[in-house]
Amino acid sequence: MKYTVEYCGYNVHNPDGDIIYRPNGSASYLFLLILAPMDFEINGERVPVKAGACILYTPGFAQSYQAVGEFYNSYVHFFTVQKEGNQIDIPLNTIFYPEGVEDINWYIKNIHKEFIAKPLHFEEQIDTYLRQLLIYLDRNFQRNRQEIPANASLYSELQSLRLRVLTYCEEDWPIERMCRILHLEKSQVYAYYQKFFCVSPKTELINARIDKAKYLLMNEALQIRQIARMTGFNDIYHFSRCFKKICGCPPSQYGTRGNR
């Protein structure tokens, strides 16, 4: 297991105006979701913070904050066997404002429930929830760092189309069709797709089709020619070439080398 929780709290209310002061920090990481305004002191500077902010303290870093009025937050003290910076690229020891505060608090709620009740396999479940929380924060931060807010409407439209393409990957998806839906030129579709998702639309479509083909190959009642058609390949030879390039073996051999 990678992550273990030392202590946690969900929707915690301390007395109004309460102060947390740990000049030597804590032995564990502390992820804090602020749910009411607070004043923080970070590296000797006062930092006013609004509801919806987060901070991930590293072990040994001074923790000092006070509620402006109502004291209201959720938090997780946790340990990890590796340095967090090697795995998760989110700000450390600094305030940041992520999207999806309700989703973040949902993860903390479930971590807290497992930690308190300690049902069967609770340690494994806590590890899973905490891992998912940090991945969610990382994706959130990386998306914002790509300056997507400046193109928020376009990003939303392209993401919606992307999910549609990947869900119905067996359909014919020429770039012209995507251009008509988005009202963009070909060069714009390619450029924005690469910028937002770090992959070309064609490559991602082929990968989705091959993933679906691998799933269908588990069903021995289906012939390879049928699977090719069901995954959007009109040419069985093209299907076989793409499959071998990605999977390292032709579809006829998939599952015979431990792939299942």
C-alpha atoms as a PDB file:
ATOM      1  CA  MET A   1       0.000   0.000   0.000  1.00  0.00           C
ATOM      2  CA  LYS A   2       1.204   3.480  -0.827  1.00  0.00           C
ATOM      3  CA  TYR A   3      -0.965   5.722   1.362  1.00  0.00           C
ATOM      4  CA  THR A   4      -1.994   5.372   5.006  1.00  0.00           C
ATOM      5  CA  VAL A   5      -4.083   7.838   7.006  1.00  0.00           C
ATOM      6  CA  GLU A   6      -2.925   9.080  10.403  1.00  0.00           C
ATOM      7  CA  TYR A   7      -6.118  11.020  11.129  1.00  0.00           C
ATOM      8  CA  CYS A   8      -8.860  12.793   9.193  1.00  0.00           C
ATOM      9  CA  GLY A   9     -11.965  14.904   9.612  1.00  0.00           C
ATOM     10  CA  TYR A  10     -14.990  15.603   7.433  1.00  0.00           C
ATOM     11  CA  ASN A  11     -16.977  18.867   7.652  1.00  0.00           C
ATOM     12  CA  VAL A  12     -15.272  19.706  10.939  1.00  0.00           C
ATOM     13  CA  HIS A  13     -16.550  22.617  13.062  1.00  0.00           C
ATOM     14  CA  ASN A  14     -14.252  24.010  15.740  1.00  0.00           C
ATOM     15  CA  PRO A  15     -15.165  27.035  17.893  1.00  0.00           C
ATOM     16  CA  ASP A  16     -15.513  30.240  15.878  1.00  0.00           C
ATOM     17  CA  GLY A  17     -12.199  32.021  15.451  1.00  0.00           C
ATOM     18  CA  ASP A  18     -10.230  28.939  16.487  1.00  0.00           C
ATOM     19  CA  ILE A  19      -6.493  28.848  15.759  1.00  0.00           C
ATOM     20  CA  ILE A  20      -4.316  25.984  14.572  1.00  0.00           C
ATOM     21  CA  TYR A  21      -0.638  26.597  15.290  1.00  0.00           C
ATOM     22  CA  ARG A  22       1.990  23.942  14.677  1.00  0.00           C
ATOM     23  CA  PRO A  23       5.343  25.746  14.250  1.00  0.00           C
ATOM     24  CA  ASN A  24       7.116  22.459  13.512  1.00  0.00           C
ATOM     25  CA  GLY A  25       4.363  21.121  11.295  1.00  0.00           C
ATOM     26  CA  SER A  26       3.339  17.486  11.557  1.00  0.00           C
ATOM     27  CA  ALA A  27       5.050  14.176  10.870  1.00  0.00           C
ATOM     28  CA  SER A  28       2.519  13.450   8.140  1.00  0.00           C
ATOM     29  CA  TYR A  29       1.286  15.214   5.039  1.00  0.00           C
ATOM     30  CA  LEU A  30      -1.808  17.347   5.677  1.00  0.00           C
ATOM     31  CA  PHE A  31      -4.347  17.995   2.959  1.00  0.00           C
ATOM     32  CA  LEU A  32      -6.772  20.697   4.026  1.00  0.00           C
ATOM     33  CA  LEU A  33     -10.001  21.743   2.285  1.00  0.00           C
ATOM     34  CA  ILE A  34     -11.111  25.145   3.598  1.00  0.00           C
ATOM     35  CA  LEU A  35     -14.893  25.519   3.769  1.00  0.00           C
ATOM     36  CA  ALA A  36     -15.110  28.955   5.449  1.00  0.00           C
ATOM     37  CA  PRO A  37     -12.829  32.038   5.277  1.00  0.00           C
ATOM     38  CA  MET A  38      -9.527  31.765   7.146  1.00  0.00           C
ATOM     39  CA  ASP A  39      -6.282  33.663   7.598  1.00  0.00           C
ATOM     40  CA  PHE A  40      -3.120  31.643   6.969  1.00  0.00           C
ATOM     41  CA  GLU A  41       0.477  32.441   7.733  1.00  0.00           C
ATOM     42  CA  ILE A  42       2.818  30.927   5.136  1.00  0.00           C
ATOM     43  CA  ASN A  43       6.547  31.665   5.197  1.00  0.00           C
ATOM     44  CA  GLY A  44       5.936  34.623   7.489  1.00  0.00           C
ATOM     45  CA  GLU A  45       3.253  36.220   5.301  1.00  0.00           C
ATOM     46  CA  ARG A  46      -0.443  36.590   6.098  1.00  0.00           C
ATOM     47  CA  VAL A  47      -2.613  35.019   3.394  1.00  0.00           C
ATOM     48  CA  PRO A  48      -6.393  35.648   3.513  1.00  0.00           C
ATOM     49  CA  VAL A  49      -8.196  32.583   2.169  1.00  0.00           C
ATOM     50  CA  LYS A  50     -11.743  32.125   0.898  1.00  0.00           C
ATOM     51  CA  ALA A  51     -13.941  29.040   1.115  1.00  0.00           C
ATOM     52  CA  GLY A  52     -13.063  26.476  -1.542  1.00  0.00           C
ATOM     53  CA  ALA A  53      -9.302  26.788  -1.164  1.00  0.00           C
ATOM     54  CA  CYS A  54      -6.928  23.895  -0.505  1.00  0.00           C
ATOM     55  CA  ILE A  55      -3.416  23.410   0.785  1.00  0.00           C
ATOM     56  CA  LEU A  56      -1.183  20.333   0.923  1.00  0.00           C
ATOM     57  CA  TYR A  57       1.349  20.657   3.740  1.00  0.00           C
ATOM     58  CA  THR A  58       4.500  18.570   3.617  1.00  0.00           C
ATOM     59  CA  PRO A  59       5.868  16.955   6.808  1.00  0.00           C
ATOM     60  CA  GLY A  60       7.698  19.430   9.022  1.00  0.00           C
ATOM     61  CA  PHE A  61       6.344  22.577   7.330  1.00  0.00           C
ATOM     62  CA  ALA A  62       4.883  25.109   9.789  1.00  0.00           C
ATOM     63  CA  GLN A  63       1.078  25.102   9.954  1.00  0.00           C
ATOM     64  CA  SER A  64      -0.610  28.296  11.138  1.00  0.00           C
ATOM     65  CA  TYR A  65      -4.181  29.344  10.357  1.00  0.00           C
ATOM     66  CA  GLN A  66      -7.176  30.943  12.069  1.00  0.00           C
ATOM     67  CA  ALA A  67     -10.859  31.069  11.230  1.00  0.00           C
ATOM     68  CA  VAL A  68     -12.133  34.556  10.381  1.00  0.00           C
ATOM     69  CA  GLY A  69     -15.486  33.597  11.889  1.00  0.00           C
ATOM     70  CA  GLU A  70     -16.865  30.101  11.486  1.00  0.00           C
ATOM     71  CA  PHE A  71     -14.223  27.351  11.675  1.00  0.00           C
ATOM     72  CA  TYR A  72     -15.202  24.834   9.012  1.00  0.00           C
ATOM     73  CA  ASN A  73     -13.001  22.461   7.029  1.00  0.00           C
ATOM     74  CA  SER A  74     -12.242  18.885   5.989  1.00  0.00           C
ATOM     75  CA  TYR A  75      -8.776  17.389   6.224  1.00  0.00           C
ATOM     76  CA  VAL A  76      -6.610  14.287   5.900  1.00  0.00           C
ATOM     77  CA  HIS A  77      -3.300  13.620   7.652  1.00  0.00           C
ATOM     78  CA  PHE A  78      -1.556  10.876   5.688  1.00  0.00           C
ATOM     79  CA  PHE A  79       1.732   9.107   5.126  1.00  0.00           C
ATOM     80  CA  THR A  80       3.189   7.916   1.852  1.00  0.00           C
ATOM     81  CA  VAL A  81       6.139   5.623   1.208  1.00  0.00           C
ATOM     82  CA  GLN A  82       7.440   7.894  -1.555  1.00  0.00           C
ATOM     83  CA  LYS A  83       8.062  11.606  -1.745  1.00  0.00           C
ATOM     84  CA  GLU A  84       4.777  13.080  -2.915  1.00  0.00           C
ATOM     85  CA  GLY A  85       6.467  15.424  -5.373  1.00  0.00           C
ATOM     86  CA  ASN A  86       7.707  12.412  -7.351  1.00  0.00           C
ATOM     87  CA  GLN A  87       4.192  11.276  -8.117  1.00  0.00           C
ATOM     88  CA  ILE A  88       1.701  14.129  -7.810  1.00  0.00           C
ATOM     89  CA  ASP A  89       2.394  17.515  -9.365  1.00  0.00           C
ATOM     90  CA  ILE A  90       0.228  19.854  -7.313  1.00  0.00           C
ATOM     91  CA  PRO A  91       1.334  22.908  -5.291  1.00  0.00           C
ATOM     92  CA  LEU A  92       2.913  22.130  -1.914  1.00  0.00           C
ATOM     93  CA  ASN A  93       2.681  24.384   1.143  1.00  0.00           C
ATOM     94  CA  THR A  94       0.730  27.018  -0.768  1.00  0.00           C
ATOM     95  CA  ILE A  95      -2.924  27.940  -1.176  1.00  0.00           C
ATOM     96  CA  PHE A  96      -4.656  26.970  -4.411  1.00  0.00           C
ATOM     97  CA  TYR A  97      -8.255  27.065  -5.607  1.00  0.00           C
ATOM     98  CA  PRO A  98      -9.327  23.904  -7.445  1.00  0.00           C
ATOM     99  CA  GLU A  99     -12.567  23.242  -9.249  1.00  0.00           C
ATOM    100  CA  GLY A 100     -14.963  20.579  -7.981  1.00  0.00           C
ATOM    101  CA  VAL A 101     -14.934  21.316  -4.243  1.00  0.00           C
ATOM    102  CA  GLU A 102     -17.929  19.021  -3.697  1.00  0.00           C
ATOM    103  CA  ASP A 103     -16.113  16.168  -5.430  1.00  0.00           C
ATOM    104  CA  ILE A 104     -13.009  16.762  -3.314  1.00  0.00           C
ATOM    105  CA  ASN A 105     -15.079  16.713  -0.135  1.00  0.00           C
ATOM    106  CA  TRP A 106     -16.800  13.514  -1.318  1.00  0.00           C
ATOM    107  CA  TYR A 107     -13.442  11.733  -1.371  1.00  0.00           C
ATOM    108  CA  ILE A 108     -12.632  13.023   2.123  1.00  0.00           C
ATOM    109  CA  LYS A 109     -16.054  11.901   3.363  1.00  0.00           C
ATOM    110  CA  ASN A 110     -15.404   8.367   2.156  1.00  0.00           C
ATOM    111  CA  ILE A 111     -11.875   8.314   3.562  1.00  0.00           C
ATOM    112  CA  HIS A 112     -13.292   9.470   6.905  1.00  0.00           C
ATOM    113  CA  LYS A 113     -16.058   6.852   6.854  1.00  0.00           C
ATOM    114  CA  GLU A 114     -13.568   4.034   6.226  1.00  0.00           C
ATOM    115  CA  PHE A 115     -11.163   5.390   8.855  1.00  0.00           C
ATOM    116  CA  ILE A 116     -13.846   5.621  11.557  1.00  0.00           C
ATOM    117  CA  ALA A 117     -15.807   2.414  10.865  1.00  0.00           C
ATOM    118  CA  LYS A 118     -12.818   0.257   9.849  1.00  0.00           C
ATOM    119  CA  PRO A 119     -14.801  -2.334   7.858  1.00  0.00           C
ATOM    120  CA  LEU A 120     -13.154  -5.287   6.139  1.00  0.00           C
ATOM    121  CA  HIS A 121     -10.292  -4.132   3.857  1.00  0.00           C
ATOM    122  CA  PHE A 122     -10.624  -0.542   5.094  1.00  0.00           C
ATOM    123  CA  GLU A 123      -6.887   0.129   4.684  1.00  0.00           C
ATOM    124  CA  GLU A 124      -6.967  -0.869   1.019  1.00  0.00           C
ATOM    125  CA  GLN A 125     -10.103   1.220   0.472  1.00  0.00           C
ATOM    126  CA  ILE A 126      -8.549   4.260   2.149  1.00  0.00           C
ATOM    127  CA  ASP A 127      -5.480   3.879  -0.050  1.00  0.00           C
ATOM    128  CA  THR A 128      -7.738   3.807  -3.117  1.00  0.00           C
ATOM    129  CA  TYR A 129      -9.797   6.863  -2.131  1.00  0.00           C
ATOM    130  CA  LEU A 130      -6.725   8.894  -1.192  1.00  0.00           C
ATOM    131  CA  ARG A 131      -4.976   7.954  -4.410  1.00  0.00           C
ATOM    132  CA  GLN A 132      -8.093   8.999  -6.379  1.00  0.00           C
ATOM    133  CA  LEU A 133      -8.291  12.294  -4.484  1.00  0.00           C
ATOM    134  CA  LEU A 134      -4.696  13.201  -5.308  1.00  0.00           C
ATOM    135  CA  ILE A 135      -5.102  12.187  -8.947  1.00  0.00           C
ATOM    136  CA  TYR A 136      -8.266  14.320  -9.130  1.00  0.00           C
ATOM    137  CA  LEU A 137      -6.359  17.306  -7.743  1.00  0.00           C
ATOM    138  CA  ASP A 138      -3.428  16.715 -10.078  1.00  0.00           C
ATOM    139  CA  ARG A 139      -5.646  16.563 -13.175  1.00  0.00           C
ATOM    140  CA  ASN A 140      -7.504  19.638 -11.975  1.00  0.00           C
ATOM    141  CA  PHE A 141      -4.312  21.612 -11.472  1.00  0.00           C
ATOM    142  CA  GLN A 142      -2.704  20.533 -14.748  1.00  0.00           C
ATOM    143  CA  ARG A 143      -5.847  21.438 -16.692  1.00  0.00           C
ATOM    144  CA  ASN A 144      -5.904  24.912 -15.179  1.00  0.00           C
ATOM    145  CA  ARG A 145      -2.174  25.361 -15.772  1.00  0.00           C
ATOM    146  CA  GLN A 146      -2.735  24.798 -19.492  1.00  0.00           C
ATOM    147  CA  GLU A 147      -4.668  28.104 -19.513  1.00  0.00           C
ATOM    148  CA  ILE A 148      -7.897  26.384 -20.421  1.00  0.00           C
ATOM    149  CA  PRO A 149      -9.961  29.038 -18.545  1.00  0.00           C
ATOM    150  CA  ALA A 150      -9.156  31.430 -21.406  1.00  0.00           C
ATOM    151  CA  ASN A 151     -10.887  28.962 -23.739  1.00  0.00           C
ATOM    152  CA  ALA A 152     -13.325  27.468 -21.240  1.00  0.00           C
ATOM    153  CA  SER A 153     -16.275  27.332 -23.640  1.00  0.00           C
ATOM    154  CA  LEU A 154     -14.220  25.761 -26.424  1.00  0.00           C
ATOM    155  CA  TYR A 155     -12.658  23.260 -24.028  1.00  0.00           C
ATOM    156  CA  SER A 156     -16.105  22.214 -22.793  1.00  0.00           C
ATOM    157  CA  GLU A 157     -17.386  21.734 -26.351  1.00  0.00           C
ATOM    158  CA  LEU A 158     -14.316  19.805 -27.439  1.00  0.00           C
ATOM    159  CA  GLN A 159     -14.356  17.625 -24.329  1.00  0.00           C
ATOM    160  CA  SER A 160     -18.032  16.827 -24.936  1.00  0.00           C
ATOM    161  CA  LEU A 161     -17.292  15.853 -28.532  1.00  0.00           C
ATOM    162  CA  ARG A 162     -14.257  13.861 -27.452  1.00  0.00           C
ATOM    163  CA  LEU A 163     -16.334  11.772 -25.035  1.00  0.00           C
ATOM    164  CA  ARG A 164     -18.909  11.219 -27.761  1.00  0.00           C
ATOM    165  CA  VAL A 165     -16.217  10.067 -30.210  1.00  0.00           C
ATOM    166  CA  LEU A 166     -14.617   7.694 -27.709  1.00  0.00           C
ATOM    167  CA  THR A 167     -17.969   6.308 -26.568  1.00  0.00           C
ATOM    168  CA  TYR A 168     -19.129   5.640 -30.138  1.00  0.00           C
ATOM    169  CA  CYS A 169     -15.712   4.865 -31.587  1.00  0.00           C
ATOM    170  CA  GLU A 170     -17.200   2.363 -34.046  1.00  0.00           C
ATOM    171  CA  GLU A 171     -18.787   5.241 -35.963  1.00  0.00           C
ATOM    172  CA  ASP A 172     -17.026   7.022 -38.805  1.00  0.00           C
ATOM    173  CA  TRP A 173     -15.291  10.110 -37.392  1.00  0.00           C
ATOM    174  CA  PRO A 174     -13.467  11.970 -40.169  1.00  0.00           C
ATOM    175  CA  ILE A 175     -11.984  15.292 -39.168  1.00  0.00           C
ATOM    176  CA  GLU A 176     -14.532  17.043 -41.402  1.00  0.00           C
ATOM    177  CA  ARG A 177     -17.347  15.765 -39.198  1.00  0.00           C
ATOM    178  CA  MET A 178     -15.662  17.136 -36.096  1.00  0.00           C
ATOM    179  CA  CYS A 179     -15.106  20.467 -37.848  1.00  0.00           C
ATOM    180  CA  ARG A 180     -18.813  20.763 -38.665  1.00  0.00           C
ATOM    181  CA  ILE A 181     -19.815  20.044 -35.071  1.00  0.00           C
ATOM    182  CA  LEU A 182     -17.319  22.504 -33.587  1.00  0.00           C
ATOM    183  CA  HIS A 183     -17.522  25.126 -36.366  1.00  0.00           C
ATOM    184  CA  LEU A 184     -13.728  25.144 -36.624  1.00  0.00           C
ATOM    185  CA  GLU A 185     -11.165  24.674 -39.356  1.00  0.00           C
ATOM    186  CA  LYS A 186      -9.161  21.443 -39.570  1.00  0.00           C
ATOM    187  CA  SER A 187      -5.983  23.085 -38.363  1.00  0.00           C
ATOM    188  CA  GLN A 188      -7.827  24.527 -35.355  1.00  0.00           C
ATOM    189  CA  VAL A 189      -9.321  21.166 -34.376  1.00  0.00           C
ATOM    190  CA  TYR A 190      -5.920  19.496 -34.547  1.00  0.00           C
ATOM    191  CA  ALA A 191      -4.207  22.294 -32.635  1.00  0.00           C
ATOM    192  CA  TYR A 192      -6.748  22.581 -29.812  1.00  0.00           C
ATOM    193  CA  TYR A 193      -7.149  18.807 -29.463  1.00  0.00           C
ATOM    194  CA  GLN A 194      -3.396  18.404 -29.103  1.00  0.00           C
ATOM    195  CA  LYS A 195      -3.174  21.320 -26.680  1.00  0.00           C
ATOM    196  CA  PHE A 196      -6.003  20.187 -24.413  1.00  0.00           C
ATOM    197  CA  PHE A 197      -5.537  16.401 -24.502  1.00  0.00           C
ATOM    198  CA  CYS A 198      -1.871  15.955 -25.539  1.00  0.00           C
ATOM    199  CA  VAL A 199      -2.788  13.534 -28.334  1.00  0.00           C
ATOM    200  CA  SER A 200      -4.136  13.788 -31.880  1.00  0.00           C
ATOM    201  CA  PRO A 201      -7.824  12.949 -32.498  1.00  0.00           C
ATOM    202  CA  LYS A 202      -6.887  10.148 -34.913  1.00  0.00           C
ATOM    203  CA  THR A 203      -4.474   8.487 -32.498  1.00  0.00           C
ATOM    204  CA  GLU A 204      -6.936   8.619 -29.622  1.00  0.00           C
ATOM    205  CA  LEU A 205      -9.745   7.233 -31.793  1.00  0.00           C
ATOM    206  CA  ILE A 206      -7.601   4.298 -32.942  1.00  0.00           C
ATOM    207  CA  ASN A 207      -6.551   3.582 -29.355  1.00  0.00           C
ATOM    208  CA  ALA A 208     -10.203   3.554 -28.260  1.00  0.00           C
ATOM    209  CA  ARG A 209     -11.111   1.187 -31.095  1.00  0.00           C
ATOM    210  CA  ILE A 210      -8.279  -1.188 -30.204  1.00  0.00           C
ATOM    211  CA  ASP A 211      -9.300  -1.132 -26.531  1.00  0.00           C
ATOM    212  CA  LYS A 212     -12.809  -2.120 -27.562  1.00  0.00           C
ATOM    213  CA  ALA A 213     -11.425  -4.807 -29.883  1.00  0.00           C
ATOM    214  CA  LYS A 214      -9.386  -6.312 -27.039  1.00  0.00           C
ATOM    215  CA  TYR A 215     -12.551  -6.521 -24.973  1.00  0.00           C
ATOM    216  CA  LEU A 216     -14.513  -8.152 -27.797  1.00  0.00           C
ATOM    217  CA  LEU A 217     -11.730 -10.657 -28.435  1.00  0.00           C
ATOM    218  CA  MET A 218     -12.503 -12.119 -25.042  1.00  0.00           C
ATOM    219  CA  ASN A 219     -15.708 -13.411 -26.643  1.00  0.00           C
ATOM    220  CA  GLU A 220     -14.559 -16.396 -28.675  1.00  0.00           C
ATOM    221  CA  ALA A 221     -17.887 -16.550 -30.492  1.00  0.00           C
ATOM    222  CA  LEU A 222     -16.949 -13.470 -32.501  1.00  0.00           C
ATOM    223  CA  GLN A 223     -14.762 -13.685 -35.578  1.00  0.00           C
ATOM    224  CA  ILE A 224     -11.967 -11.187 -36.137  1.00  0.00           C
ATOM    225  CA  ARG A 225     -13.705  -9.829 -39.230  1.00  0.00           C
ATOM    226  CA  GLN A 226     -16.811  -9.128 -37.127  1.00  0.00           C
ATOM    227  CA  ILE A 227     -14.774  -7.426 -34.436  1.00  0.00           C
ATOM    228  CA  ALA A 228     -13.049  -5.241 -37.020  1.00  0.00           C
ATOM    229  CA  ARG A 229     -16.432  -3.995 -38.274  1.00  0.00           C
ATOM    230  CA  MET A 230     -17.778  -3.537 -34.743  1.00  0.00           C
ATOM    231  CA  THR A 231     -14.842  -1.286 -33.861  1.00  0.00           C
ATOM    232  CA  GLY A 232     -15.000   0.957 -36.916  1.00  0.00           C
ATOM    233  CA  PHE A 233     -12.452  -0.759 -39.177  1.00  0.00           C
ATOM    234  CA  ASN A 234     -13.779  -1.412 -42.680  1.00  0.00           C
ATOM    235  CA  ASP A 235     -10.538  -3.089 -43.732  1.00  0.00           C
ATOM    236  CA  ILE A 236      -9.546  -6.177 -41.724  1.00  0.00           C
ATOM    237  CA  TYR A 237      -5.911  -5.832 -42.806  1.00  0.00           C
ATOM    238  CA  HIS A 238      -5.756  -2.250 -41.566  1.00  0.00           C
ATOM    239  CA  PHE A 239      -7.344  -3.422 -38.317  1.00  0.00           C
ATOM    240  CA  SER A 240      -4.738  -6.171 -37.921  1.00  0.00           C
ATOM    241  CA  ARG A 241      -1.860  -3.771 -38.587  1.00  0.00           C
ATOM    242  CA  CYS A 242      -3.125  -1.237 -36.043  1.00  0.00           C
ATOM    243  CA  PHE A 243      -3.791  -3.964 -33.494  1.00  0.00           C
ATOM    244  CA  LYS A 244      -0.313  -5.468 -33.833  1.00  0.00           C
ATOM    245  CA  LYS A 245       1.350  -2.063 -33.657  1.00  0.00           C
ATOM    246  CA  ILE A 246      -0.379  -1.232 -30.369  1.00  0.00           C
ATOM    247  CA  CYS A 247      -0.612  -4.663 -28.722  1.00  0.00           C
ATOM    248  CA  GLY A 248       2.515  -6.321 -30.074  1.00  0.00           C
ATOM    249  CA  CYS A 249       0.675  -9.283 -31.544  1.00  0.00           C
ATOM    250  CA  PRO A 250      -2.021  -9.853 -34.202  1.00  0.00           C
ATOM    251  CA  PRO A 251      -5.627 -10.115 -33.010  1.00  0.00           C
ATOM    252  CA  SER A 252      -5.630 -13.865 -33.722  1.00  0.00           C
ATOM    253  CA  GLN A 253      -2.978 -14.338 -31.033  1.00  0.00           C
ATOM    254  CA  TYR A 254      -4.392 -11.953 -28.458  1.00  0.00           C
ATOM    255  CA  GLY A 255      -5.069 -13.818 -25.235  1.00  0.00           C
ATOM    256  CA  THR A 256      -2.683 -16.663 -26.020  1.00  0.00           C
ATOM    257  CA  ARG A 257       0.285 -14.922 -24.367  1.00  0.00           C
ATOM    258  CA  GLY A 258      -1.244 -14.061 -21.001  1.00  0.00           C
ATOM    259  CA  ASN A 259      -3.061 -10.947 -22.219  1.00  0.00           C
ATOM    260  CA  ARG A 260      -6.380 -12.097 -20.869  1.00  0.00           C
END
